[in-house]
């Protein structure tokens, strides 16, 4: 499979507005001066003829782009007190008129937890499962409008829990997981976007997010990193990552994970990367030392290491959860009405110069 994978534009919402225009209005009078011609005639091809004494409805299609986004101060704290007039929005460098705005709210969310169950993640699977359980509970208990699913990936992707609003469903599915096989991360991202996020249950069109728990070491995917990113952008999905790579590890997969979050405007967290007690106990932690008993009281599962890991993990998951449950949203009707399939960049600017805005990079202009 080459090139772009998938189609559709969830961020482009077609609002079909039917205006039933009554006889006697000035607009209808103007239309009556030049009534539609018969089928296949100039200006009247394929138009059904109205019955005597009735006027045909006028159908107007309005395309609105909706952009959820988060605002942070220089310390990384959420900024929640800005108003519509504090923002400007640009598409391909051209300023757009803001027609829709909401202050930070817990907007409906459809999220997928993608968890690495490959052989390379065997020693870190317990960490990944516990992290995923915490995140699922945090998000789903914040709103009855949120729904999440769990997908594993090793030699291929598999949904082990479909969409649910009950965090216990996610916990039970995660608790049963075992590690085996290779790693097909890119295939999992593509399948999660195409088969799950794009088919997310309503009402409306909710935000779409993937949270990936992995070391980023893909060795089995049939698709490329570029294709995975392209599909995520077409599905209007942001990708967050919780890396399972630890202090001192040779982790080329981290470069892959960083690329994914950069391209989709997500964020990456590495709770295992800065645990002082582990570094103190062994000097460094290589891939083979990470879970060996030589760490003594600092070994995973005991003593200070466990306390520090729990604190780092909680901090990372709270950061993801807070961002997902406190977002602004802007909507605008693009001045570029051509649905040419091209990617259009979006930039939201704040009038305050001491804040950072995180939003999707853009969208594909497809019908």
Foldseek 3Di string as FASTA:
>chain_A
DDDADDFDAQQKDKDKDKDQDDPPDPVVVVCVVPDADPDPDPRHHPPDDDDPPGDDIDIDIFIKGKWWKWKAFPVGDTDQPDDPVQKWKDKQRHTFDFPDKDTWFQFQEEEEEEEEQAPLCQVVLVVSLVLVLVLLVLQLVVDVRYWYWYWYFALAIDTQGAIDSDSVSSNVSSVPGHHYHHGAVLRNLLCCLRVHLLPDDDDPRTAYEYEYEELQDHDRHPDDLVNSLSSCQNSNYAYEYEHSDAAPEPRPRVVSVVVSNVQFLYYYAYLRHDQVLQCVQPVTAYSVRQQDCSSPQLHPPHHPVVVSSVVSSVVVSVSVSVRNRTIMMTMGGDPDPDLPQDWMAMDMDGNDPRMDMGIGGTYTSHD
